Amino acid sequence: AALWSNRDDARDYQAPSHHTLSCYIADGTGTFRRQRPGDKGAPDKLCVMPAGQESNWVVNGAIRLAHLYVSETQFALGCVRLLDREPRELQLQEATFLDDPQQAKRFRQLITLDWDEPGERLLASSLAHEIVDHALLNQVGLRQGLRLKGGLAPSLRRQLVDYIEAHLDQPITLGELALRCNLSEYHFARMFRASFGLPPHQYLLARRLHRACQLLRLGVMPLGEIALLCGFASASHFSNRFRQAVGATPGEYRTAIRG
């Protein structure tokens, strides 16, 4: 996430590699896209810019924006988890100057938090995930004219999702997943990535960490028990992986989330 201010300028964005969700925090009434001079910004207006999208802007007067950047990995996980679709089937739909009071409220809450303070940084991360999930549920559509090649059949993809969720407390190997699809490990890994948008080990780790976050929010279960329920070899292994992904230890995360 980032806060951005500008005045009396012109900006061109050349196909960034990430998706960008933006909210006008202050001013912006003189800001417009060069191709659409009749549409102007205003406080609480929202913009959705997909990865690879070029855009050209004119800023007359002052502007203050909050940006939230969404990686292709985050997008892929959301497509599978929230929408039960292959990421390559879907695209984030461009939108300029949307009205969505609840989403704007989330952005305003996000910018009040101190991102350098560990506890508030975790709250900011949770709020950012809410913003991204809301955008995925409301601003994603099917790619037009797409002919999918390779990848797993939808029924197999759903079976894998269900199997992984039901066995997160156990070791899950690439060979085990490949066998369920009657594929070699090599071909399975390629087809999994085509359908899920990321390699099997990354998807599995993301789901283990997601389950851990859910359990940490629920109560006072010992961290060692949470580690085992989420398939980590030990509490220290769990703590290291969690800190790498979230930026805090599981204990710090639980303290921050529970206030």
C-alpha atoms as a PDB file:
ATOM      1  CA  ALA A   1       0.000   0.000   0.000  1.00  0.00           C
ATOM      2  CA  ALA A   2       1.094   3.592  -0.541  1.00  0.00           C
ATOM      3  CA  LEU A   3      -0.120   7.155  -0.049  1.00  0.00           C
ATOM      4  CA  TRP A   4       0.491   9.420  -3.017  1.00  0.00           C
ATOM      5  CA  SER A   5       0.127  13.189  -3.396  1.00  0.00           C
ATOM      6  CA  ASN A   6       0.561  15.403  -6.436  1.00  0.00           C
ATOM      7  CA  ARG A   7      -0.386  18.795  -7.881  1.00  0.00           C
ATOM      8  CA  ASP A   8      -0.677  20.153 -11.434  1.00  0.00           C
ATOM      9  CA  ASP A   9       0.999  17.319 -13.280  1.00  0.00           C
ATOM     10  CA  ALA A  10       0.579  14.693 -16.000  1.00  0.00           C
ATOM     11  CA  ARG A  11       1.284  11.007 -15.394  1.00  0.00           C
ATOM     12  CA  ASP A  12       1.610   8.013 -17.712  1.00  0.00           C
ATOM     13  CA  TYR A  13       1.586   4.429 -16.415  1.00  0.00           C
ATOM     14  CA  GLN A  14       3.100   1.881 -18.782  1.00  0.00           C
ATOM     15  CA  ALA A  15       1.741  -1.608 -18.159  1.00  0.00           C
ATOM     16  CA  PRO A  16       2.744  -2.237 -14.521  1.00  0.00           C
ATOM     17  CA  SER A  17       3.200  -5.881 -13.508  1.00  0.00           C
ATOM     18  CA  HIS A  18       0.754  -5.592 -10.578  1.00  0.00           C
ATOM     19  CA  HIS A  19      -2.925  -4.718 -10.244  1.00  0.00           C
ATOM     20  CA  THR A  20      -3.659  -1.376  -8.562  1.00  0.00           C
ATOM     21  CA  LEU A  21      -6.683  -0.462  -6.427  1.00  0.00           C
ATOM     22  CA  SER A  22      -6.929   3.255  -5.633  1.00  0.00           C
ATOM     23  CA  CYS A  23      -9.101   5.549  -3.541  1.00  0.00           C
ATOM     24  CA  TYR A  24      -9.176   9.344  -3.714  1.00  0.00           C
ATOM     25  CA  ILE A  25      -8.594  10.569  -0.175  1.00  0.00           C
ATOM     26  CA  ALA A  26      -8.665  14.339  -0.756  1.00  0.00           C
ATOM     27  CA  ASP A  27      -9.177  16.737  -3.674  1.00  0.00           C
ATOM     28  CA  GLY A  28      -8.840  15.251  -7.159  1.00  0.00           C
ATOM     29  CA  THR A  29     -11.757  17.174  -8.658  1.00  0.00           C
ATOM     30  CA  GLY A  30      -9.479  18.386 -11.459  1.00  0.00           C
ATOM     31  CA  THR A  31      -8.024  14.959 -12.204  1.00  0.00           C
ATOM     32  CA  PHE A  32      -9.067  13.015 -15.305  1.00  0.00           C
ATOM     33  CA  ARG A  33      -7.836  10.416 -17.769  1.00  0.00           C
ATOM     34  CA  ARG A  34      -6.494  12.041 -20.902  1.00  0.00           C
ATOM     35  CA  GLN A  35      -8.853  10.029 -23.107  1.00  0.00           C
ATOM     36  CA  ARG A  36     -11.884  10.917 -20.924  1.00  0.00           C
ATOM     37  CA  PRO A  37     -11.645  14.603 -19.983  1.00  0.00           C
ATOM     38  CA  GLY A  38     -15.307  14.782 -19.033  1.00  0.00           C
ATOM     39  CA  ASP A  39     -14.970  12.350 -16.103  1.00  0.00           C
ATOM     40  CA  LYS A  40     -13.379  13.869 -13.004  1.00  0.00           C
ATOM     41  CA  GLY A  41     -12.205  12.484  -9.695  1.00  0.00           C
ATOM     42  CA  ALA A  42     -13.428  13.411  -6.220  1.00  0.00           C
ATOM     43  CA  PRO A  43     -12.897  12.276  -2.620  1.00  0.00           C
ATOM     44  CA  ASP A  44     -13.901   8.613  -2.078  1.00  0.00           C
ATOM     45  CA  LYS A  45     -13.883   7.809  -5.795  1.00  0.00           C
ATOM     46  CA  LEU A  46     -12.266   4.447  -6.587  1.00  0.00           C
ATOM     47  CA  CYS A  47     -10.161   3.242  -9.516  1.00  0.00           C
ATOM     48  CA  VAL A  48      -9.240  -0.297 -10.546  1.00  0.00           C
ATOM     49  CA  MET A  49      -6.248  -0.678 -12.870  1.00  0.00           C
ATOM     50  CA  PRO A  50      -5.400  -4.236 -14.005  1.00  0.00           C
ATOM     51  CA  ALA A  51      -1.817  -5.365 -14.486  1.00  0.00           C
ATOM     52  CA  GLY A  52      -0.517  -4.611 -17.962  1.00  0.00           C
ATOM     53  CA  GLN A  53      -2.945  -1.728 -18.423  1.00  0.00           C
ATOM     54  CA  GLU A  54      -1.608   1.582 -19.739  1.00  0.00           C
ATOM     55  CA  SER A  55      -3.239   4.779 -18.486  1.00  0.00           C
ATOM     56  CA  ASN A  56      -2.618   8.493 -18.938  1.00  0.00           C
ATOM     57  CA  TRP A  57      -3.687  11.075 -16.368  1.00  0.00           C
ATOM     58  CA  VAL A  58      -3.904  14.849 -16.050  1.00  0.00           C
ATOM     59  CA  VAL A  59      -3.819  16.354 -12.550  1.00  0.00           C
ATOM     60  CA  ASN A  60      -5.176  19.895 -12.270  1.00  0.00           C
ATOM     61  CA  GLY A  61      -4.904  21.204  -8.728  1.00  0.00           C
ATOM     62  CA  ALA A  62      -4.115  18.954  -5.784  1.00  0.00           C
ATOM     63  CA  ILE A  63      -4.726  15.258  -5.293  1.00  0.00           C
ATOM     64  CA  ARG A  64      -4.151  12.703  -2.524  1.00  0.00           C
ATOM     65  CA  LEU A  65      -4.595   9.004  -3.225  1.00  0.00           C
ATOM     66  CA  ALA A  66      -4.259   5.684  -1.441  1.00  0.00           C
ATOM     67  CA  HIS A  67      -2.954   2.856  -3.638  1.00  0.00           C
ATOM     68  CA  LEU A  68      -3.106  -0.862  -2.868  1.00  0.00           C
ATOM     69  CA  TYR A  69      -0.982  -3.083  -5.099  1.00  0.00           C
ATOM     70  CA  VAL A  70      -2.109  -6.654  -5.801  1.00  0.00           C
ATOM     71  CA  SER A  71       0.396  -9.210  -7.088  1.00  0.00           C
ATOM     72  CA  GLU A  72      -0.502 -11.876  -9.631  1.00  0.00           C
ATOM     73  CA  THR A  73      -0.041 -14.481  -6.877  1.00  0.00           C
ATOM     74  CA  GLN A  74      -2.595 -12.739  -4.637  1.00  0.00           C
ATOM     75  CA  PHE A  75      -4.963 -12.487  -7.590  1.00  0.00           C
ATOM     76  CA  ALA A  76      -4.539 -16.189  -8.401  1.00  0.00           C
ATOM     77  CA  LEU A  77      -5.198 -17.291  -4.820  1.00  0.00           C
ATOM     78  CA  GLY A  78      -8.319 -15.136  -4.668  1.00  0.00           C
ATOM     79  CA  CYS A  79      -9.684 -16.533  -7.926  1.00  0.00           C
ATOM     80  CA  VAL A  80      -9.396 -20.102  -6.641  1.00  0.00           C
ATOM     81  CA  ARG A  81     -10.448 -19.418  -3.031  1.00  0.00           C
ATOM     82  CA  LEU A  82     -13.271 -16.910  -3.535  1.00  0.00           C
ATOM     83  CA  LEU A  83     -14.513 -17.549  -7.059  1.00  0.00           C
ATOM     84  CA  ASP A  84     -13.726 -21.243  -7.636  1.00  0.00           C
ATOM     85  CA  ARG A  85     -12.326 -20.417 -11.075  1.00  0.00           C
ATOM     86  CA  GLU A  86      -8.981 -20.739 -12.799  1.00  0.00           C
ATOM     87  CA  PRO A  87      -7.044 -17.443 -12.622  1.00  0.00           C
ATOM     88  CA  ARG A  88      -6.292 -17.567 -16.351  1.00  0.00           C
ATOM     89  CA  GLU A  89     -10.050 -17.559 -17.074  1.00  0.00           C
ATOM     90  CA  LEU A  90     -10.553 -14.281 -15.261  1.00  0.00           C
ATOM     91  CA  GLN A  91      -9.451 -10.687 -15.482  1.00  0.00           C
ATOM     92  CA  LEU A  92      -9.721  -7.732 -13.161  1.00  0.00           C
ATOM     93  CA  GLN A  93     -11.980  -5.254 -14.935  1.00  0.00           C
ATOM     94  CA  GLU A  94     -10.740  -1.711 -15.306  1.00  0.00           C
ATOM     95  CA  ALA A  95     -12.867   0.944 -13.625  1.00  0.00           C
ATOM     96  CA  THR A  96     -12.434   4.689 -13.167  1.00  0.00           C
ATOM     97  CA  PHE A  97     -14.115   6.828 -10.501  1.00  0.00           C
ATOM     98  CA  LEU A  98     -16.338   4.130  -9.002  1.00  0.00           C
ATOM     99  CA  ASP A  99     -18.688   4.893  -6.123  1.00  0.00           C
ATOM    100  CA  ASP A 100     -18.487   2.276  -3.355  1.00  0.00           C
ATOM    101  CA  PRO A 101     -18.859   3.833   0.123  1.00  0.00           C
ATOM    102  CA  GLN A 102     -17.924   0.657   2.036  1.00  0.00           C
ATOM    103  CA  GLN A 103     -14.747   0.140   0.034  1.00  0.00           C
ATOM    104  CA  ALA A 104     -13.805   3.808   0.416  1.00  0.00           C
ATOM    105  CA  LYS A 105     -14.351   3.467   4.171  1.00  0.00           C
ATOM    106  CA  ARG A 106     -11.906   0.536   4.270  1.00  0.00           C
ATOM    107  CA  PHE A 107      -9.291   2.615   2.467  1.00  0.00           C
ATOM    108  CA  ARG A 108      -9.765   5.485   4.922  1.00  0.00           C
ATOM    109  CA  GLN A 109      -9.389   3.100   7.863  1.00  0.00           C
ATOM    110  CA  LEU A 110      -6.252   1.678   6.265  1.00  0.00           C
ATOM    111  CA  ILE A 111      -4.467   5.019   5.974  1.00  0.00           C
ATOM    112  CA  THR A 112      -5.105   5.919   9.631  1.00  0.00           C
ATOM    113  CA  LEU A 113      -2.973   2.966  10.772  1.00  0.00           C
ATOM    114  CA  ASP A 114       0.721   3.290  11.558  1.00  0.00           C
ATOM    115  CA  TRP A 115       2.328   0.795   9.181  1.00  0.00           C
ATOM    116  CA  ASP A 116       5.646   1.012  11.063  1.00  0.00           C
ATOM    117  CA  GLU A 117       4.074  -0.198  14.332  1.00  0.00           C
ATOM    118  CA  PRO A 118       3.936  -4.038  14.377  1.00  0.00           C
ATOM    119  CA  GLY A 119       0.436  -4.379  15.833  1.00  0.00           C
ATOM    120  CA  GLU A 120      -1.131  -1.824  13.518  1.00  0.00           C
ATOM    121  CA  ARG A 121       0.778  -3.215  10.543  1.00  0.00           C
ATOM    122  CA  LEU A 122      -0.998  -6.532  11.081  1.00  0.00           C
ATOM    123  CA  LEU A 123      -4.375  -4.810  11.267  1.00  0.00           C
ATOM    124  CA  ALA A 124      -3.491  -2.979   8.068  1.00  0.00           C
ATOM    125  CA  SER A 125      -2.677  -6.303   6.412  1.00  0.00           C
ATOM    126  CA  SER A 126      -6.044  -7.745   7.456  1.00  0.00           C
ATOM    127  CA  LEU A 127      -7.860  -4.669   6.157  1.00  0.00           C
ATOM    128  CA  ALA A 128      -5.920  -4.795   2.890  1.00  0.00           C
ATOM    129  CA  HIS A 129      -7.061  -8.394   2.387  1.00  0.00           C
ATOM    130  CA  GLU A 130     -10.682  -7.269   2.861  1.00  0.00           C
ATOM    131  CA  ILE A 131     -10.205  -4.594   0.195  1.00  0.00           C
ATOM    132  CA  VAL A 132      -8.690  -7.087  -2.239  1.00  0.00           C
ATOM    133  CA  ASP A 133     -11.387  -9.708  -1.604  1.00  0.00           C
ATOM    134  CA  HIS A 134     -14.123  -7.107  -2.165  1.00  0.00           C
ATOM    135  CA  ALA A 135     -12.535  -6.062  -5.457  1.00  0.00           C
ATOM    136  CA  LEU A 136     -12.233  -9.676  -6.607  1.00  0.00           C
ATOM    137  CA  LEU A 137     -15.883 -10.361  -5.816  1.00  0.00           C
ATOM    138  CA  ASN A 138     -17.092  -7.224  -7.591  1.00  0.00           C
ATOM    139  CA  GLN A 139     -14.582  -6.313 -10.306  1.00  0.00           C
ATOM    140  CA  VAL A 140     -13.595  -9.619 -11.894  1.00  0.00           C
ATOM    141  CA  GLY A 141     -15.022 -10.945 -15.144  1.00  0.00           C
ATOM    142  CA  LEU A 142     -14.350 -13.702 -17.660  1.00  0.00           C
ATOM    143  CA  ARG A 143     -11.715 -13.153 -20.318  1.00  0.00           C
ATOM    144  CA  GLN A 144     -13.474 -12.883 -23.661  1.00  0.00           C
ATOM    145  CA  GLY A 145     -12.545 -15.188 -26.525  1.00  0.00           C
ATOM    146  CA  LEU A 146     -10.182 -17.249 -24.400  1.00  0.00           C
ATOM    147  CA  ARG A 147      -9.467 -20.852 -25.384  1.00  0.00           C
ATOM    148  CA  LEU A 148      -7.861 -22.650 -22.477  1.00  0.00           C
ATOM    149  CA  LYS A 149      -5.057 -25.070 -23.289  1.00  0.00           C
ATOM    150  CA  GLY A 150      -3.541 -27.464 -20.792  1.00  0.00           C
ATOM    151  CA  GLY A 151      -4.325 -27.338 -17.123  1.00  0.00           C
ATOM    152  CA  LEU A 152      -6.534 -29.559 -15.018  1.00  0.00           C
ATOM    153  CA  ALA A 153     -10.183 -30.321 -15.654  1.00  0.00           C
ATOM    154  CA  PRO A 154     -12.472 -28.200 -13.417  1.00  0.00           C
ATOM    155  CA  SER A 155     -13.683 -31.301 -11.579  1.00  0.00           C
ATOM    156  CA  LEU A 156     -10.087 -32.321 -10.800  1.00  0.00           C
ATOM    157  CA  ARG A 157      -9.219 -28.807  -9.671  1.00  0.00           C
ATOM    158  CA  ARG A 158     -12.142 -28.790  -7.222  1.00  0.00           C
ATOM    159  CA  GLN A 159     -11.220 -32.260  -5.948  1.00  0.00           C
ATOM    160  CA  LEU A 160      -7.679 -31.061  -5.283  1.00  0.00           C
ATOM    161  CA  VAL A 161      -8.900 -27.953  -3.461  1.00  0.00           C
ATOM    162  CA  ASP A 162     -11.167 -30.065  -1.251  1.00  0.00           C
ATOM    163  CA  TYR A 163      -8.470 -32.684  -0.651  1.00  0.00           C
ATOM    164  CA  ILE A 164      -5.855 -30.118   0.328  1.00  0.00           C
ATOM    165  CA  GLU A 165      -8.248 -28.318   2.691  1.00  0.00           C
ATOM    166  CA  ALA A 166      -9.198 -31.612   4.353  1.00  0.00           C
ATOM    167  CA  HIS A 167      -5.567 -32.696   4.822  1.00  0.00           C
ATOM    168  CA  LEU A 168      -3.766 -29.501   5.803  1.00  0.00           C
ATOM    169  CA  ASP A 169      -2.767 -31.144   9.093  1.00  0.00           C
ATOM    170  CA  GLN A 170      -0.843 -33.844   7.215  1.00  0.00           C
ATOM    171  CA  PRO A 171       2.236 -33.943   4.973  1.00  0.00           C
ATOM    172  CA  ILE A 172       1.062 -33.574   1.369  1.00  0.00           C
ATOM    173  CA  THR A 173       3.581 -34.471  -1.316  1.00  0.00           C
ATOM    174  CA  LEU A 174       3.706 -33.571  -4.983  1.00  0.00           C
ATOM    175  CA  GLY A 175       3.669 -37.280  -5.813  1.00  0.00           C
ATOM    176  CA  GLU A 176       0.531 -37.817  -3.753  1.00  0.00           C
ATOM    177  CA  LEU A 177      -1.344 -35.026  -5.550  1.00  0.00           C
ATOM    178  CA  ALA A 178      -0.081 -36.151  -8.957  1.00  0.00           C
ATOM    179  CA  LEU A 179      -1.244 -39.708  -8.275  1.00  0.00           C
ATOM    180  CA  ARG A 180      -4.764 -38.488  -7.521  1.00  0.00           C
ATOM    181  CA  CYS A 181      -4.814 -37.018 -11.028  1.00  0.00           C
ATOM    182  CA  ASN A 182      -3.104 -40.019 -12.678  1.00  0.00           C
ATOM    183  CA  LEU A 183      -0.260 -37.814 -13.884  1.00  0.00           C
ATOM    184  CA  SER A 184       3.502 -37.817 -13.565  1.00  0.00           C
ATOM    185  CA  GLU A 185       4.867 -35.307 -11.077  1.00  0.00           C
ATOM    186  CA  TYR A 186       6.369 -33.262 -13.912  1.00  0.00           C
ATOM    187  CA  HIS A 187       3.152 -32.974 -15.910  1.00  0.00           C
ATOM    188  CA  PHE A 188       1.051 -32.486 -12.797  1.00  0.00           C
ATOM    189  CA  ALA A 189       3.202 -29.566 -11.610  1.00  0.00           C
ATOM    190  CA  ARG A 190       2.878 -27.854 -15.001  1.00  0.00           C
ATOM    191  CA  MET A 191      -0.889 -28.410 -15.201  1.00  0.00           C
ATOM    192  CA  PHE A 192      -1.409 -27.342 -11.584  1.00  0.00           C
ATOM    193  CA  ARG A 193       0.385 -24.071 -12.231  1.00  0.00           C
ATOM    194  CA  ALA A 194      -1.690 -23.477 -15.364  1.00  0.00           C
ATOM    195  CA  SER A 195      -4.933 -23.965 -13.418  1.00  0.00           C
ATOM    196  CA  PHE A 196      -4.022 -22.380 -10.071  1.00  0.00           C
ATOM    197  CA  GLY A 197      -1.682 -19.630 -11.216  1.00  0.00           C
ATOM    198  CA  LEU A 198       1.147 -20.719  -8.901  1.00  0.00           C
ATOM    199  CA  PRO A 199       3.170 -23.875  -8.135  1.00  0.00           C
ATOM    200  CA  PRO A 200       1.738 -26.587  -5.844  1.00  0.00           C
ATOM    201  CA  HIS A 201       4.138 -25.879  -2.958  1.00  0.00           C
ATOM    202  CA  GLN A 202       3.276 -22.164  -2.957  1.00  0.00           C
ATOM    203  CA  TYR A 203      -0.452 -22.857  -3.013  1.00  0.00           C
ATOM    204  CA  LEU A 204      -0.149 -25.392  -0.209  1.00  0.00           C
ATOM    205  CA  LEU A 205       1.890 -23.027   1.976  1.00  0.00           C
ATOM    206  CA  ALA A 206      -0.598 -20.211   1.371  1.00  0.00           C
ATOM    207  CA  ARG A 207      -3.492 -22.442   2.458  1.00  0.00           C
ATOM    208  CA  ARG A 208      -1.612 -23.609   5.575  1.00  0.00           C
ATOM    209  CA  LEU A 209      -0.934 -19.990   6.557  1.00  0.00           C
ATOM    210  CA  HIS A 210      -4.542 -19.010   5.864  1.00  0.00           C
ATOM    211  CA  ARG A 211      -5.768 -21.805   8.157  1.00  0.00           C
ATOM    212  CA  ALA A 212      -3.269 -20.692  10.807  1.00  0.00           C
ATOM    213  CA  CYS A 213      -4.582 -17.121  10.674  1.00  0.00           C
ATOM    214  CA  GLN A 214      -8.125 -18.416  11.154  1.00  0.00           C
ATOM    215  CA  LEU A 215      -7.110 -20.449  14.211  1.00  0.00           C
ATOM    216  CA  LEU A 216      -5.090 -17.584  15.690  1.00  0.00           C
ATOM    217  CA  ARG A 217      -8.152 -15.343  15.491  1.00  0.00           C
ATOM    218  CA  LEU A 218     -10.363 -17.864  17.289  1.00  0.00           C
ATOM    219  CA  GLY A 219      -8.748 -18.038  20.696  1.00  0.00           C
ATOM    220  CA  VAL A 220      -5.944 -19.277  22.881  1.00  0.00           C
ATOM    221  CA  MET A 221      -5.026 -22.609  21.292  1.00  0.00           C
ATOM    222  CA  PRO A 222      -1.309 -23.281  21.931  1.00  0.00           C
ATOM    223  CA  LEU A 223       0.914 -22.289  19.034  1.00  0.00           C
ATOM    224  CA  GLY A 224       2.412 -25.778  18.883  1.00  0.00           C
ATOM    225  CA  GLU A 225      -1.046 -27.260  18.399  1.00  0.00           C
ATOM    226  CA  ILE A 226      -1.877 -24.743  15.670  1.00  0.00           C
ATOM    227  CA  ALA A 227       1.394 -25.621  13.956  1.00  0.00           C
ATOM    228  CA  LEU A 228       0.471 -29.312  13.872  1.00  0.00           C
ATOM    229  CA  LEU A 229      -3.118 -28.655  12.751  1.00  0.00           C
ATOM    230  CA  CYS A 230      -1.770 -26.649   9.821  1.00  0.00           C
ATOM    231  CA  GLY A 231       0.822 -29.224   8.788  1.00  0.00           C
ATOM    232  CA  PHE A 232       4.008 -27.562  10.013  1.00  0.00           C
ATOM    233  CA  ALA A 233       6.729 -29.828  11.380  1.00  0.00           C
ATOM    234  CA  SER A 234       7.221 -27.830  14.574  1.00  0.00           C
ATOM    235  CA  ALA A 235       6.295 -24.593  16.320  1.00  0.00           C
ATOM    236  CA  SER A 236       9.607 -23.044  15.242  1.00  0.00           C
ATOM    237  CA  HIS A 237       9.067 -24.051  11.601  1.00  0.00           C
ATOM    238  CA  PHE A 238       5.574 -22.559  11.781  1.00  0.00           C
ATOM    239  CA  SER A 239       6.856 -19.362  13.386  1.00  0.00           C
ATOM    240  CA  ASN A 240       9.589 -18.893  10.779  1.00  0.00           C
ATOM    241  CA  ARG A 241       7.266 -19.437   7.818  1.00  0.00           C
ATOM    242  CA  PHE A 242       4.569 -17.241   9.340  1.00  0.00           C
ATOM    243  CA  ARG A 243       6.988 -14.390  10.038  1.00  0.00           C
ATOM    244  CA  GLN A 244       8.362 -14.546   6.494  1.00  0.00           C
ATOM    245  CA  ALA A 245       4.864 -14.274   5.010  1.00  0.00           C
ATOM    246  CA  VAL A 246       3.087 -11.963   7.459  1.00  0.00           C
ATOM    247  CA  GLY A 247       5.901  -9.891   8.940  1.00  0.00           C
ATOM    248  CA  ALA A 248       5.236 -10.922  12.541  1.00  0.00           C
ATOM    249  CA  THR A 249       5.339 -14.039  14.689  1.00  0.00           C
ATOM    250  CA  PRO A 250       2.105 -15.993  15.257  1.00  0.00           C
ATOM    251  CA  GLY A 251       1.994 -14.710  18.850  1.00  0.00           C
ATOM    252  CA  GLU A 252       2.350 -11.091  17.741  1.00  0.00           C
ATOM    253  CA  TYR A 253      -0.340 -11.617  15.117  1.00  0.00           C
ATOM    254  CA  ARG A 254      -2.799 -13.062  17.644  1.00  0.00           C
ATOM    255  CA  THR A 255      -2.167 -10.232  20.114  1.00  0.00           C
ATOM    256  CA  ALA A 256      -2.708  -7.586  17.429  1.00  0.00           C
ATOM    257  CA  ILE A 257      -5.865  -9.157  15.976  1.00  0.00           C
ATOM    258  CA  ARG A 258      -7.481  -9.668  19.380  1.00  0.00           C
ATOM    259  CA  GLY A 259      -6.602  -6.127  20.480  1.00  0.00           C
END
